[in-house]
Amino acid sequence: MNRDNPLVYSTDTGRIDQPQQKVERPKGDGIVRIQRQTSGRKGKGVCLITGIDLDDAALTQLAAELKKKCGCGGALKEGVIEIQGDKRDLLKSLLEAKGMKVKLAGG
């Protein structure tokens, strides 16, 4: 079997599912960074929060808590919390209250 063309179907067993590789996020330097981004979002700004060293369940809970306290929407994508709107100062104060070292990144 070729690595570039893996077997995806067998007439004996049907569809062959490839084992999912667990994606590990890179370890940060202990500093949470909050960045404002508008690119690819039709001019709508979001705040990206990176560098939080928590597992997925804890990140989901933290994202929900931040969205509720900011009064806006958001998402959790690949270990990065997205909060809609420019709420960098509020997010910084909320995360610092949790004992995290926070920096505002980007312009």
PDB file of N, CA and C in Angstrom:
ATOM      1  N   MET A   1       0.854  -1.183   0.000  1.00  0.00           N
ATOM      2  CA  MET A   1       0.000   0.000   0.000  1.00  0.00           C
ATOM      3  C   MET A   1       0.893   1.237   0.000  1.00  0.00           C
ATOM      4  N   ASN A   2       0.528   2.225  -0.770  1.00  0.00           N
ATOM      5  CA  ASN A   2       1.293   3.455  -0.935  1.00  0.00           C
ATOM      6  C   ASN A   2       0.849   4.485   0.104  1.00  0.00           C
ATOM      7  N   ARG A   3       1.817   5.218   0.701  1.00  0.00           N
ATOM      8  CA  ARG A   3       1.481   6.231   1.700  1.00  0.00           C
ATOM      9  C   ARG A   3       0.755   7.423   1.072  1.00  0.00           C
ATOM     10  N   ASP A   4       1.058   7.708  -0.202  1.00  0.00           N
ATOM     11  CA  ASP A   4       0.397   8.833  -0.857  1.00  0.00           C
ATOM     12  C   ASP A   4      -1.032   8.500  -1.256  1.00  0.00           C
ATOM     13  N   ASN A   5      -1.299   7.235  -1.491  1.00  0.00           N
ATOM     14  CA  ASN A   5      -2.620   6.765  -1.882  1.00  0.00           C
ATOM     15  C   ASN A   5      -3.083   5.677  -0.917  1.00  0.00           C
ATOM     16  N   PRO A   6      -3.535   6.033   0.283  1.00  0.00           N
ATOM     17  CA  PRO A   6      -3.935   4.992   1.226  1.00  0.00           C
ATOM     18  C   PRO A   6      -5.233   4.319   0.796  1.00  0.00           C
ATOM     19  N   LEU A   7      -5.428   3.095   1.256  1.00  0.00           N
ATOM     20  CA  LEU A   7      -6.617   2.322   0.954  1.00  0.00           C
ATOM     21  C   LEU A   7      -7.818   2.932   1.678  1.00  0.00           C
ATOM     22  N   VAL A   8      -8.878   3.257   0.951  1.00  0.00           N
ATOM     23  CA  VAL A   8     -10.047   3.872   1.561  1.00  0.00           C
ATOM     24  C   VAL A   8     -11.290   2.991   1.488  1.00  0.00           C
ATOM     25  N   TYR A   9     -11.250   1.924   0.668  1.00  0.00           N
ATOM     26  CA  TYR A   9     -12.416   1.074   0.542  1.00  0.00           C
ATOM     27  C   TYR A   9     -11.961  -0.347   0.241  1.00  0.00           C
ATOM     28  N   SER A  10     -12.607  -1.280   0.897  1.00  0.00           N
ATOM     29  CA  SER A  10     -12.336  -2.684   0.643  1.00  0.00           C
ATOM     30  C   SER A  10     -13.657  -3.368   0.323  1.00  0.00           C
ATOM     31  N   THR A  11     -13.657  -4.280  -0.643  1.00  0.00           N
ATOM     32  CA  THR A  11     -14.893  -4.976  -0.988  1.00  0.00           C
ATOM     33  C   THR A  11     -15.317  -5.929   0.116  1.00  0.00           C
ATOM     34  N   ASP A  12     -14.381  -6.327   0.975  1.00  0.00           N
ATOM     35  CA  ASP A  12     -14.725  -7.224   2.085  1.00  0.00           C
ATOM     36  C   ASP A  12     -15.367  -6.475   3.248  1.00  0.00           C
ATOM     37  N   THR A  13     -14.772  -5.337   3.651  1.00  0.00           N
ATOM     38  CA  THR A  13     -15.217  -4.657   4.873  1.00  0.00           C
ATOM     39  C   THR A  13     -15.914  -3.334   4.613  1.00  0.00           C
ATOM     40  N   GLY A  14     -15.866  -2.824   3.409  1.00  0.00           N
ATOM     41  CA  GLY A  14     -16.483  -1.537   3.115  1.00  0.00           C
ATOM     42  C   GLY A  14     -15.487  -0.406   3.320  1.00  0.00           C
ATOM     43  N   ARG A  15     -15.998   0.738   3.761  1.00  0.00           N
ATOM     44  CA  ARG A  15     -15.160   1.922   3.923  1.00  0.00           C
ATOM     45  C   ARG A  15     -14.150   1.712   5.043  1.00  0.00           C
ATOM     46  N   ILE A  16     -12.912   2.094   4.783  1.00  0.00           N
ATOM     47  CA  ILE A  16     -11.844   1.981   5.776  1.00  0.00           C
ATOM     48  C   ILE A  16     -11.533   3.371   6.291  1.00  0.00           C
ATOM     49  N   ASP A  17     -11.796   3.587   7.570  1.00  0.00           N
ATOM     50  CA  ASP A  17     -11.520   4.888   8.181  1.00  0.00           C
ATOM     51  C   ASP A  17     -10.073   4.937   8.640  1.00  0.00           C
ATOM     52  N   GLN A  18      -9.428   6.025   8.290  1.00  0.00           N
ATOM     53  CA  GLN A  18      -8.049   6.226   8.721  1.00  0.00           C
ATOM     54  C   GLN A  18      -8.045   6.650  10.186  1.00  0.00           C
ATOM     55  N   PRO A  19      -7.085   6.177  10.975  1.00  0.00           N
ATOM     56  CA  PRO A  19      -7.029   6.619  12.371  1.00  0.00           C
ATOM     57  C   PRO A  19      -6.741   8.114  12.445  1.00  0.00           C
ATOM     58  N   GLN A  20      -7.499   8.798  13.289  1.00  0.00           N
ATOM     59  CA  GLN A  20      -7.331  10.238  13.441  1.00  0.00           C
ATOM     60  C   GLN A  20      -6.095  10.520  14.281  1.00  0.00           C
ATOM     61  N   GLN A  21      -5.269  11.419  13.794  1.00  0.00           N
ATOM     62  CA  GLN A  21      -4.099  11.816  14.549  1.00  0.00           C
ATOM     63  C   GLN A  21      -4.486  12.955  15.469  1.00  0.00           C
ATOM     64  N   LYS A  22      -4.087  12.840  16.727  1.00  0.00           N
ATOM     65  CA  LYS A  22      -4.408  13.886  17.690  1.00  0.00           C
ATOM     66  C   LYS A  22      -3.506  15.083  17.426  1.00  0.00           C
ATOM     67  N   VAL A  23      -4.139  16.235  17.237  1.00  0.00           N
ATOM     68  CA  VAL A  23      -3.392  17.451  16.956  1.00  0.00           C
ATOM     69  C   VAL A  23      -3.026  18.101  18.286  1.00  0.00           C
ATOM     70  N   GLU A  24      -1.745  18.285  18.505  1.00  0.00           N
ATOM     71  CA  GLU A  24      -1.311  18.925  19.726  1.00  0.00           C
ATOM     72  C   GLU A  24      -0.994  20.377  19.439  1.00  0.00           C
ATOM     73  N   ARG A  25      -1.531  21.236  20.314  1.00  0.00           N
ATOM     74  CA  ARG A  25      -1.243  22.653  20.167  1.00  0.00           C
ATOM     75  C   ARG A  25       0.138  22.944  20.697  1.00  0.00           C
ATOM     76  N   PRO A  26       0.832  23.881  20.087  1.00  0.00           N
ATOM     77  CA  PRO A  26       2.166  24.211  20.596  1.00  0.00           C
ATOM     78  C   PRO A  26       2.072  24.846  21.975  1.00  0.00           C
ATOM     79  N   LYS A  27       3.054  24.522  22.815  1.00  0.00           N
ATOM     80  CA  LYS A  27       3.092  25.099  24.150  1.00  0.00           C
ATOM     81  C   LYS A  27       3.473  26.568  24.040  1.00  0.00           C
ATOM     82  N   GLY A  28       2.771  27.398  24.784  1.00  0.00           N
ATOM     83  CA  GLY A  28       3.046  28.825  24.757  1.00  0.00           C
ATOM     84  C   GLY A  28       4.146  29.199  25.733  1.00  0.00           C
ATOM     85  N   ASP A  29       4.393  30.492  25.839  1.00  0.00           N
ATOM     86  CA  ASP A  29       5.418  30.979  26.752  1.00  0.00           C
ATOM     87  C   ASP A  29       4.813  31.467  28.063  1.00  0.00           C
ATOM     88  N   GLY A  30       3.544  31.127  28.309  1.00  0.00           N
ATOM     89  CA  GLY A  30       2.884  31.520  29.550  1.00  0.00           C
ATOM     90  C   GLY A  30       2.219  32.875  29.483  1.00  0.00           C
ATOM     91  N   ILE A  31       2.258  33.521  28.323  1.00  0.00           N
ATOM     92  CA  ILE A  31       1.649  34.838  28.165  1.00  0.00           C
ATOM     93  C   ILE A  31       0.442  34.701  27.243  1.00  0.00           C
ATOM     94  N   VAL A  32      -0.702  35.190  27.719  1.00  0.00           N
ATOM     95  CA  VAL A  32      -1.922  35.187  26.913  1.00  0.00           C
ATOM     96  C   VAL A  32      -1.909  36.454  26.064  1.00  0.00           C
ATOM     97  N   ARG A  33      -2.134  36.304  24.760  1.00  0.00           N
ATOM     98  CA  ARG A  33      -2.109  37.453  23.858  1.00  0.00           C
ATOM     99  C   ARG A  33      -3.500  37.694  23.286  1.00  0.00           C
ATOM    100  N   ILE A  34      -3.892  38.967  23.300  1.00  0.00           N
ATOM    101  CA  ILE A  34      -5.180  39.375  22.742  1.00  0.00           C
ATOM    102  C   ILE A  34      -4.893  40.247  21.531  1.00  0.00           C
ATOM    103  N   GLN A  35      -5.437  39.849  20.390  1.00  0.00           N
ATOM    104  CA  GLN A  35      -5.150  40.529  19.128  1.00  0.00           C
ATOM    105  C   GLN A  35      -6.461  40.846  18.431  1.00  0.00           C
ATOM    106  N   ARG A  36      -6.541  42.005  17.810  1.00  0.00           N
ATOM    107  CA  ARG A  36      -7.720  42.379  17.026  1.00  0.00           C
ATOM    108  C   ARG A  36      -7.457  42.030  15.574  1.00  0.00           C
ATOM    109  N   GLN A  37      -8.449  41.432  14.914  1.00  0.00           N
ATOM    110  CA  GLN A  37      -8.276  41.032  13.522  1.00  0.00           C
ATOM    111  C   GLN A  37      -9.554  41.304  12.740  1.00  0.00           C
ATOM    112  N   THR A  38      -9.391  41.807  11.516  1.00  0.00           N
ATOM    113  CA  THR A  38     -10.537  42.030  10.632  1.00  0.00           C
ATOM    114  C   THR A  38     -10.376  41.311   9.298  1.00  0.00           C
ATOM    115  N   SER A  39      -9.187  40.817   8.997  1.00  0.00           N
ATOM    116  CA  SER A  39      -8.938  40.247   7.668  1.00  0.00           C
ATOM    117  C   SER A  39      -9.775  38.988   7.445  1.00  0.00           C
ATOM    118  N   GLY A  40     -10.387  38.925   6.274  1.00  0.00           N
ATOM    119  CA  GLY A  40     -11.189  37.773   5.904  1.00  0.00           C
ATOM    120  C   GLY A  40     -12.543  37.736   6.591  1.00  0.00           C
ATOM    121  N   ARG A  41     -12.944  38.845   7.200  1.00  0.00           N
ATOM    122  CA  ARG A  41     -14.210  38.867   7.941  1.00  0.00           C
ATOM    123  C   ARG A  41     -15.128  39.986   7.462  1.00  0.00           C
ATOM    124  N   LYS A  42     -14.905  40.452   6.247  1.00  0.00           N
ATOM    125  CA  LYS A  42     -15.722  41.501   5.625  1.00  0.00           C
ATOM    126  C   LYS A  42     -15.770  42.762   6.482  1.00  0.00           C
ATOM    127  N   GLY A  43     -14.648  43.121   7.093  1.00  0.00           N
ATOM    128  CA  GLY A  43     -14.557  44.345   7.873  1.00  0.00           C
ATOM    129  C   GLY A  43     -15.015  44.224   9.311  1.00  0.00           C
ATOM    130  N   LYS A  44     -15.597  43.102   9.666  1.00  0.00           N
ATOM    131  CA  LYS A  44     -16.046  42.898  11.042  1.00  0.00           C
ATOM    132  C   LYS A  44     -14.847  42.513  11.905  1.00  0.00           C
ATOM    133  N   GLY A  45     -14.670  43.193  13.014  1.00  0.00           N
ATOM    134  CA  GLY A  45     -13.529  42.928  13.877  1.00  0.00           C
ATOM    135  C   GLY A  45     -13.825  41.878  14.925  1.00  0.00           C
ATOM    136  N   VAL A  46     -12.821  41.063  15.228  1.00  0.00           N
ATOM    137  CA  VAL A  46     -12.900  40.103  16.321  1.00  0.00           C
ATOM    138  C   VAL A  46     -11.617  40.189  17.130  1.00  0.00           C
ATOM    139  N   CYS A  47     -11.682  39.768  18.371  1.00  0.00           N
ATOM    140  CA  CYS A  47     -10.506  39.668  19.221  1.00  0.00           C
ATOM    141  C   CYS A  47     -10.118  38.204  19.300  1.00  0.00           C
ATOM    142  N   LEU A  48      -8.857  37.920  18.998  1.00  0.00           N
ATOM    143  CA  LEU A  48      -8.337  36.561  19.074  1.00  0.00           C
ATOM    144  C   LEU A  48      -7.526  36.422  20.350  1.00  0.00           C
ATOM    145  N   ILE A  49      -7.831  35.425  21.143  1.00  0.00           N
ATOM    146  CA  ILE A  49      -7.124  35.182  22.388  1.00  0.00           C
ATOM    147  C   ILE A  49      -6.328  33.895  22.214  1.00  0.00           C
ATOM    148  N   THR A  50      -5.007  34.000  22.276  1.00  0.00           N
ATOM    149  CA  THR A  50      -4.130  32.846  22.095  1.00  0.00           C
ATOM    150  C   THR A  50      -3.217  32.696  23.306  1.00  0.00           C
ATOM    151  N   GLY A  51      -2.634  31.515  23.427  1.00  0.00           N
ATOM    152  CA  GLY A  51      -1.637  31.277  24.464  1.00  0.00           C
ATOM    153  C   GLY A  51      -2.200  30.763  25.769  1.00  0.00           C
ATOM    154  N   ILE A  52      -3.481  30.397  25.806  1.00  0.00           N
ATOM    155  CA  ILE A  52      -4.064  29.857  27.036  1.00  0.00           C
ATOM    156  C   ILE A  52      -3.780  28.363  27.069  1.00  0.00           C
ATOM    157  N   ASP A  53      -3.104  27.923  28.121  1.00  0.00           N
ATOM    158  CA  ASP A  53      -2.680  26.526  28.221  1.00  0.00           C
ATOM    159  C   ASP A  53      -3.702  25.727  29.030  1.00  0.00           C
ATOM    160  N   LEU A  54      -4.861  25.456  28.397  1.00  0.00           N
ATOM    161  CA  LEU A  54      -5.920  24.663  29.015  1.00  0.00           C
ATOM    162  C   LEU A  54      -6.358  23.588  28.034  1.00  0.00           C
ATOM    163  N   ASP A  55      -7.025  22.549  28.548  1.00  0.00           N
ATOM    164  CA  ASP A  55      -7.550  21.527  27.645  1.00  0.00           C
ATOM    165  C   ASP A  55      -8.816  22.057  26.960  1.00  0.00           C
ATOM    166  N   ASP A  56      -9.322  21.292  26.005  1.00  0.00           N
ATOM    167  CA  ASP A  56     -10.439  21.762  25.180  1.00  0.00           C
ATOM    168  C   ASP A  56     -11.698  22.043  25.991  1.00  0.00           C
ATOM    169  N   ALA A  57     -11.996  21.191  26.979  1.00  0.00           N
ATOM    170  CA  ALA A  57     -13.208  21.396  27.778  1.00  0.00           C
ATOM    171  C   ALA A  57     -13.115  22.693  28.581  1.00  0.00           C
ATOM    172  N   ALA A  58     -11.952  22.948  29.182  1.00  0.00           N
ATOM    173  CA  ALA A  58     -11.773  24.168  29.970  1.00  0.00           C
ATOM    174  C   ALA A  58     -11.782  25.403  29.075  1.00  0.00           C
ATOM    175  N   LEU A  59     -11.209  25.279  27.868  1.00  0.00           N
ATOM    176  CA  LEU A  59     -11.227  26.397  26.924  1.00  0.00           C
ATOM    177  C   LEU A  59     -12.655  26.722  26.491  1.00  0.00           C
ATOM    178  N   THR A  60     -13.457  25.699  26.258  1.00  0.00           N
ATOM    179  CA  THR A  60     -14.850  25.909  25.871  1.00  0.00           C
ATOM    180  C   THR A  60     -15.604  26.641  26.978  1.00  0.00           C
ATOM    181  N   GLN A  61     -15.364  26.230  28.213  1.00  0.00           N
ATOM    182  CA  GLN A  61     -16.029  26.869  29.351  1.00  0.00           C
ATOM    183  C   GLN A  61     -15.564  28.318  29.504  1.00  0.00           C
ATOM    184  N   LEU A  62     -14.250  28.565  29.345  1.00  0.00           N
ATOM    185  CA  LEU A  62     -13.719  29.922  29.449  1.00  0.00           C
ATOM    186  C   LEU A  62     -14.281  30.804  28.338  1.00  0.00           C
ATOM    187  N   ALA A  63     -14.358  30.269  27.110  1.00  0.00           N
ATOM    188  CA  ALA A  63     -14.910  31.039  25.988  1.00  0.00           C
ATOM    189  C   ALA A  63     -16.360  31.413  26.256  1.00  0.00           C
ATOM    190  N   ALA A  64     -17.139  30.490  26.792  1.00  0.00           N
ATOM    191  CA  ALA A  64     -18.547  30.774  27.095  1.00  0.00           C
ATOM    192  C   ALA A  64     -18.652  31.858  28.162  1.00  0.00           C
ATOM    193  N   GLU A  65     -17.803  31.790  29.173  1.00  0.00           N
ATOM    194  CA  GLU A  65     -17.821  32.786  30.235  1.00  0.00           C
ATOM    195  C   GLU A  65     -17.441  34.170  29.710  1.00  0.00           C
ATOM    196  N   LEU A  66     -16.414  34.234  28.851  1.00  0.00           N
ATOM    197  CA  LEU A  66     -15.988  35.521  28.292  1.00  0.00           C
ATOM    198  C   LEU A  66     -17.070  36.111  27.394  1.00  0.00           C
ATOM    199  N   LYS A  67     -17.713  35.271  26.580  1.00  0.00           N
ATOM    200  CA  LYS A  67     -18.784  35.754  25.703  1.00  0.00           C
ATOM    201  C   LYS A  67     -19.938  36.324  26.527  1.00  0.00           C
ATOM    202  N   LYS A  68     -20.259  35.641  27.623  1.00  0.00           N
ATOM    203  CA  LYS A  68     -21.371  36.098  28.466  1.00  0.00           C
ATOM    204  C   LYS A  68     -21.035  37.431  29.128  1.00  0.00           C
ATOM    205  N   LYS A  69     -19.804  37.566  29.651  1.00  0.00           N
ATOM    206  CA  LYS A  69     -19.424  38.799  30.336  1.00  0.00           C
ATOM    207  C   LYS A  69     -19.250  39.964  29.369  1.00  0.00           C
ATOM    208  N   CYS A  70     -18.868  39.680  28.121  1.00  0.00           N
ATOM    209  CA  CYS A  70     -18.727  40.740  27.122  1.00  0.00           C
ATOM    210  C   CYS A  70     -20.068  41.069  26.463  1.00  0.00           C
ATOM    211  N   GLY A  71     -21.018  40.175  26.574  1.00  0.00           N
ATOM    212  CA  GLY A  71     -22.321  40.403  25.966  1.00  0.00           C
ATOM    213  C   GLY A  71     -22.281  40.318  24.455  1.00  0.00           C
ATOM    214  N   CYS A  72     -21.485  39.400  23.927  1.00  0.00           N
ATOM    215  CA  CYS A  72     -21.386  39.277  22.474  1.00  0.00           C
ATOM    216  C   CYS A  72     -21.135  37.820  22.114  1.00  0.00           C
ATOM    217  N   GLY A  73     -21.062  37.547  20.826  1.00  0.00           N
ATOM    218  CA  GLY A  73     -20.835  36.200  20.343  1.00  0.00           C
ATOM    219  C   GLY A  73     -19.366  35.902  20.199  1.00  0.00           C
ATOM    220  N   GLY A  74     -19.092  34.697  19.772  1.00  0.00           N
ATOM    221  CA  GLY A  74     -17.712  34.294  19.560  1.00  0.00           C
ATOM    222  C   GLY A  74     -17.651  32.816  19.250  1.00  0.00           C
ATOM    223  N   ALA A  75     -16.423  32.296  19.219  1.00  0.00           N
ATOM    224  CA  ALA A  75     -16.224  30.886  18.888  1.00  0.00           C
ATOM    225  C   ALA A  75     -14.897  30.416  19.449  1.00  0.00           C
ATOM    226  N   LEU A  76     -14.733  29.093  19.464  1.00  0.00           N
ATOM    227  CA  LEU A  76     -13.465  28.478  19.825  1.00  0.00           C
ATOM    228  C   LEU A  76     -13.014  27.664  18.621  1.00  0.00           C
ATOM    229  N   LYS A  77     -11.893  28.053  18.009  1.00  0.00           N
ATOM    230  CA  LYS A  77     -11.403  27.367  16.818  1.00  0.00           C
ATOM    231  C   LYS A  77      -9.934  27.013  16.999  1.00  0.00           C
ATOM    232  N   GLU A  78      -9.641  25.715  17.038  1.00  0.00           N
ATOM    233  CA  GLU A  78      -8.271  25.206  17.110  1.00  0.00           C
ATOM    234  C   GLU A  78      -7.485  25.814  18.260  1.00  0.00           C
ATOM    235  N   GLY A  79      -8.097  25.911  19.417  1.00  0.00           N
ATOM    236  CA  GLY A  79      -7.407  26.417  20.593  1.00  0.00           C
ATOM    237  C   GLY A  79      -7.329  27.927  20.685  1.00  0.00           C
ATOM    238  N   VAL A  80      -7.956  28.636  19.748  1.00  0.00           N
ATOM    239  CA  VAL A  80      -7.962  30.104  19.752  1.00  0.00           C
ATOM    240  C   VAL A  80      -9.388  30.561  20.026  1.00  0.00           C
ATOM    241  N   ILE A  81      -9.557  31.415  21.037  1.00  0.00           N
ATOM    242  CA  ILE A  81     -10.876  31.943  21.363  1.00  0.00           C
ATOM    243  C   ILE A  81     -11.099  33.203  20.546  1.00  0.00           C
ATOM    244  N   GLU A  82     -12.229  33.257  19.836  1.00  0.00           N
ATOM    245  CA  GLU A  82     -12.603  34.435  19.061  1.00  0.00           C
ATOM    246  C   GLU A  82     -13.788  35.101  19.747  1.00  0.00           C
ATOM    247  N   ILE A  83     -13.658  36.398  20.038  1.00  0.00           N
ATOM    248  CA  ILE A  83     -14.742  37.180  20.631  1.00  0.00           C
ATOM    249  C   ILE A  83     -15.088  38.291  19.655  1.00  0.00           C
ATOM    250  N   GLN A  84     -16.362  38.432  19.315  1.00  0.00           N
ATOM    251  CA  GLN A  84     -16.774  39.426  18.325  1.00  0.00           C
ATOM    252  C   GLN A  84     -16.672  40.835  18.895  1.00  0.00           C
ATOM    253  N   GLY A  85     -16.226  41.747  18.057  1.00  0.00           N
ATOM    254  CA  GLY A  85     -16.110  43.147  18.453  1.00  0.00           C
ATOM    255  C   GLY A  85     -14.747  43.462  19.055  1.00  0.00           C
ATOM    256  N   ASP A  86     -14.510  44.745  19.302  1.00  0.00           N
ATOM    257  CA  ASP A  86     -13.227  45.183  19.870  1.00  0.00           C
ATOM    258  C   ASP A  86     -13.397  45.342  21.376  1.00  0.00           C
ATOM    259  N   LYS A  87     -13.180  44.274  22.101  1.00  0.00           N
ATOM    260  CA  LYS A  87     -13.353  44.267  23.553  1.00  0.00           C
ATOM    261  C   LYS A  87     -12.029  43.935  24.248  1.00  0.00           C
ATOM    262  N   ARG A  88     -10.916  44.395  23.671  1.00  0.00           N
ATOM    263  CA  ARG A  88      -9.600  44.013  24.192  1.00  0.00           C
ATOM    264  C   ARG A  88      -9.387  44.418  25.644  1.00  0.00           C
ATOM    265  N   ASP A  89      -9.772  45.644  26.002  1.00  0.00           N
ATOM    266  CA  ASP A  89      -9.532  46.114  27.366  1.00  0.00           C
ATOM    267  C   ASP A  89     -10.350  45.320  28.384  1.00  0.00           C
ATOM    268  N   LEU A  90     -11.603  45.047  28.065  1.00  0.00           N
ATOM    269  CA  LEU A  90     -12.442  44.264  28.957  1.00  0.00           C
ATOM    270  C   LEU A  90     -11.913  42.836  29.091  1.00  0.00           C
ATOM    271  N   LEU A  91     -11.522  42.240  27.963  1.00  0.00           N
ATOM    272  CA  LEU A  91     -10.981  40.882  27.994  1.00  0.00           C
ATOM    273  C   LEU A  91      -9.694  40.819  28.814  1.00  0.00           C
ATOM    274  N   LYS A  92      -8.855  41.843  28.663  1.00  0.00           N
ATOM    275  CA  LYS A  92      -7.607  41.878  29.421  1.00  0.00           C
ATOM    276  C   LYS A  92      -7.888  41.898  30.914  1.00  0.00           C
ATOM    277  N   SER A  93      -8.822  42.737  31.358  1.00  0.00           N
ATOM    278  CA  SER A  93      -9.122  42.820  32.786  1.00  0.00           C
ATOM    279  C   SER A  93      -9.750  41.515  33.303  1.00  0.00           C
ATOM    280  N   LEU A  94     -10.608  40.874  32.491  1.00  0.00           N
ATOM    281  CA  LEU A  94     -11.231  39.618  32.914  1.00  0.00           C
ATOM    282  C   LEU A  94     -10.201  38.500  33.052  1.00  0.00           C
ATOM    283  N   LEU A  95      -9.271  38.419  32.099  1.00  0.00           N
ATOM    284  CA  LEU A  95      -8.264  37.354  32.146  1.00  0.00           C
ATOM    285  C   LEU A  95      -7.232  37.609  33.242  1.00  0.00           C
ATOM    286  N   GLU A  96      -6.886  38.875  33.479  1.00  0.00           N
ATOM    287  CA  GLU A  96      -5.954  39.186  34.562  1.00  0.00           C
ATOM    288  C   GLU A  96      -6.571  38.867  35.914  1.00  0.00           C
ATOM    289  N   ALA A  97      -7.892  39.031  36.039  1.00  0.00           N
ATOM    290  CA  ALA A  97      -8.577  38.683  37.282  1.00  0.00           C
ATOM    291  C   ALA A  97      -8.500  37.177  37.553  1.00  0.00           C
ATOM    292  N   LYS A  98      -8.314  36.381  36.496  1.00  0.00           N
ATOM    293  CA  LYS A  98      -8.161  34.939  36.643  1.00  0.00           C
ATOM    294  C   LYS A  98      -6.706  34.540  36.901  1.00  0.00           C
ATOM    295  N   GLY A  99      -5.821  35.517  37.025  1.00  0.00           N
ATOM    296  CA  GLY A  99      -4.430  35.233  37.334  1.00  0.00           C
ATOM    297  C   GLY A  99      -3.549  34.964  36.139  1.00  0.00           C
ATOM    298  N   MET A 100      -3.975  35.355  34.953  1.00  0.00           N
ATOM    299  CA  MET A 100      -3.187  35.130  33.745  1.00  0.00           C
ATOM    300  C   MET A 100      -2.380  36.384  33.408  1.00  0.00           C
ATOM    301  N   LYS A 101      -1.218  36.177  32.821  1.00  0.00           N
ATOM    302  CA  LYS A 101      -0.392  37.284  32.356  1.00  0.00           C
ATOM    303  C   LYS A 101      -0.830  37.603  30.931  1.00  0.00           C
ATOM    304  N   VAL A 102      -1.314  38.827  30.703  1.00  0.00           N
ATOM    305  CA  VAL A 102      -1.962  39.174  29.439  1.00  0.00           C
ATOM    306  C   VAL A 102      -1.219  40.313  28.758  1.00  0.00           C
ATOM    307  N   LYS A 103      -1.055  40.195  27.436  1.00  0.00           N
ATOM    308  CA  LYS A 103      -0.495  41.281  26.622  1.00  0.00           C
ATOM    309  C   LYS A 103      -1.454  41.558  25.464  1.00  0.00           C
ATOM    310  N   LEU A 104      -1.554  42.842  25.097  1.00  0.00           N
ATOM    311  CA  LEU A 104      -2.293  43.203  23.897  1.00  0.00           C
ATOM    312  C   LEU A 104      -1.321  43.137  22.732  1.00  0.00           C
ATOM    313  N   ALA A 105      -1.606  42.289  21.764  1.00  0.00           N
ATOM    314  CA  ALA A 105      -0.705  42.072  20.639  1.00  0.00           C
ATOM    315  C   ALA A 105      -1.256  42.757  19.400  1.00  0.00           C
ATOM    316  N   GLY A 106      -0.382  43.100  18.492  1.00  0.00           N
ATOM    317  CA  GLY A 106      -0.807  43.732  17.246  1.00  0.00           C
ATOM    318  C   GLY A 106      -1.119  45.194  17.426  1.00  0.00           C
ATOM    319  N   GLY A 107      -1.415  45.870  16.316  1.00  0.00           N
ATOM    320  CA  GLY A 107      -1.643  47.309  16.317  1.00  0.00           C
ATOM    321  C   GLY A 107      -2.853  47.665  16.989  1.00  0.00           C
TER     322      GLY A 107
END
